[in-house]
Structures are given as structure tokens and as C-alpha cells.
């Protein structure tokens, strides 16, 4: 689903201010994250397709980031996090994709 125009305007302003990374198409991004065993979030994919990894008030890491961010990919960061913190929690397959709609389907909290 494409970004709403108001959000896209805000993101574009932030990217003009802080700088963009190198955009990555969905096929390359999906291939890069496939070893992680996670799905490709469509909003994240759209962001990285448009802006690459960059800072927009918060850091959004991609495969090739702006100079403002570390030169480490989202894949490397995820692997490093899993090595120190364990794998990310997974959503129960019986839950809808938006846990806010069903409070009992929230992701587990790490101890």
C-alpha cells in the first residue's frame, strides 16, 4: 500500500534534510533478508525502495545507508541482535496481522 501523501511529504522533507541512502528494489531486499526467516514488510520495502537506509527522525536501516548512519546493513544488524538477544518473537499464526485489533494477540515480551 503506497504511503499516504501527508506521510510521504514528511518523509521527503526529512530525507532532504538528512540525506538518503541508496534505494534497493524489493527483489534484492527480499533476497537479502530471506536467510533471516522473516517476511518483508510492505511499508518497509516501499521506504527502502524510495530512500534506501537513512535517518528520518529515527534511523531506518536498509542494505545501503546514508552517510549519517553506520555502514552496516539491516541484515547484519538483525544477525548481530539475534546472536546477542536470541531470535525475534513470532506472532501466533491464529492472530490477525494487526494485533491492535485483537489485544490478546500481542507479541510476547522478552524476559
Protein backbone atom coordinates (compact mmCIF):
# COMPACT_ATOMS: atom_id res chain seq x y z
CA UNK A 1 0.00 0.00 0.00
CA UNK A 2 1.57 3.30 -1.03
CA UNK A 3 2.35 5.87 1.65
CA UNK A 4 -0.35 8.45 2.23
CA UNK A 5 0.62 11.81 0.76
CA UNK A 6 0.95 13.57 4.15
CA UNK A 7 3.37 10.90 5.43
CA UNK A 8 5.28 10.86 2.16
CA UNK A 9 5.66 14.66 2.32
CA UNK A 10 7.07 14.44 5.86
CA UNK A 11 9.46 11.63 4.89
CA UNK A 12 10.67 13.52 1.82
CA UNK A 13 11.33 16.64 3.93
CA UNK A 14 13.36 14.60 6.42
CA UNK A 15 15.32 12.92 3.62
CA UNK A 16 16.09 16.31 2.06
CA UNK A 17 17.36 17.48 5.44
CA UNK A 18 19.38 14.41 6.48
CA UNK A 19 20.16 12.67 3.18
CA UNK A 20 19.05 9.46 1.51
CA UNK A 21 20.76 6.13 1.24
CA UNK A 22 20.89 4.11 -1.96
CA UNK A 23 17.44 2.76 -2.86
CA UNK A 24 17.06 -1.02 -3.05
CA UNK A 25 14.38 -2.76 -5.10
CA UNK A 26 12.08 -5.31 -3.46
CA UNK A 27 13.60 -8.30 -5.22
CA UNK A 28 17.11 -7.53 -3.92
CA UNK A 29 15.77 -6.69 -0.46
CA UNK A 30 13.68 -9.88 -0.26
CA UNK A 31 16.68 -11.94 -1.38
CA UNK A 32 18.93 -10.30 1.22
CA UNK A 33 16.55 -10.88 4.13
CA UNK A 34 15.44 -14.39 3.13
CA UNK A 35 18.15 -16.09 5.27
CA UNK A 36 16.71 -14.29 8.29
CA UNK A 37 13.45 -16.24 8.04
CA UNK A 38 11.27 -13.14 8.30
CA UNK A 39 8.75 -11.71 5.91
CA UNK A 40 9.27 -8.48 4.02
CA UNK A 41 7.05 -5.76 5.48
CA UNK A 42 5.48 -3.88 2.54
CA UNK A 43 5.80 -0.44 4.18
CA UNK A 44 9.47 -1.05 5.00
CA UNK A 45 10.08 -2.31 1.45
CA UNK A 46 8.47 0.81 -0.01
CA UNK A 47 10.57 3.04 2.24
CA UNK A 48 13.84 1.34 1.26
CA UNK A 49 12.82 1.35 -2.41
CA UNK A 50 12.33 5.12 -2.24
CA UNK A 51 15.04 6.28 0.16
CA UNK A 52 17.46 3.46 0.98
CA UNK A 53 18.56 3.33 4.60
CA UNK A 54 18.51 6.79 6.16
CA UNK A 55 17.57 8.94 9.13
CA UNK A 56 14.07 10.47 9.18
CA UNK A 57 13.80 11.36 12.86
CA UNK A 58 14.67 7.74 13.64
CA UNK A 59 17.22 5.57 11.84
CA UNK A 60 15.77 3.21 9.23
CA UNK A 61 18.48 0.81 8.12
CA UNK A 62 18.47 -0.71 4.65
CA UNK A 63 21.11 -2.50 2.64
CA UNK A 64 22.96 0.69 1.70
CA UNK A 65 22.56 3.57 4.13
CA UNK A 66 23.12 7.32 4.02
CA UNK A 67 26.38 8.67 5.38
CA UNK A 68 24.57 9.74 8.56
CA UNK A 69 24.02 6.08 9.53
CA UNK A 70 26.58 3.38 10.13
CA UNK A 71 27.61 1.47 7.03
CA UNK A 72 26.06 -1.77 8.24
CA UNK A 73 23.06 -3.40 6.60
CA UNK A 74 19.75 -4.24 8.21
CA UNK A 75 20.66 -7.91 7.69
CA UNK A 76 23.94 -7.53 9.61
CA UNK A 77 22.17 -5.66 12.43
CA UNK A 78 19.47 -8.33 12.66
CA UNK A 79 22.01 -11.16 12.74
CA UNK A 80 24.06 -9.37 15.42
CA UNK A 81 20.94 -8.77 17.51
CA UNK A 82 19.87 -12.41 17.21
CA UNK A 83 23.35 -13.52 18.28
CA UNK A 84 23.20 -11.45 21.47
CA UNK A 85 19.47 -11.34 22.26
CA UNK A 86 18.14 -14.50 20.65
CA UNK A 87 15.66 -14.70 17.78
CA UNK A 88 12.84 -12.21 17.44
CA UNK A 89 9.45 -13.28 18.80
CA UNK A 90 6.98 -14.61 16.28
CA UNK A 91 3.29 -13.87 16.02
CA UNK A 92 0.82 -16.69 16.65
CA UNK A 93 -0.50 -17.68 13.21
CA UNK A 94 -4.07 -17.52 14.51
CA UNK A 95 -3.72 -13.78 15.22
CA UNK A 96 -4.63 -11.10 12.68
CA UNK A 97 -1.82 -9.07 11.10
CA UNK A 98 -2.77 -6.07 13.27
CA UNK A 99 -2.59 -7.13 16.94
CA UNK A 100 -4.20 -3.82 17.98
CA UNK A 101 -7.47 -5.22 16.64
CA UNK A 102 -7.19 -8.20 18.99
CA UNK A 103 -5.35 -7.28 22.22
CA UNK A 104 -4.92 -10.92 23.22
CA UNK A 105 -2.75 -11.45 20.11
CA UNK A 106 0.09 -9.11 21.02
CA UNK A 107 3.67 -10.23 20.56
CA UNK A 108 5.34 -11.80 23.59
CA UNK A 109 7.59 -9.57 25.67
CA UNK A 110 11.16 -10.75 26.17
CA UNK A 111 12.09 -11.50 29.81
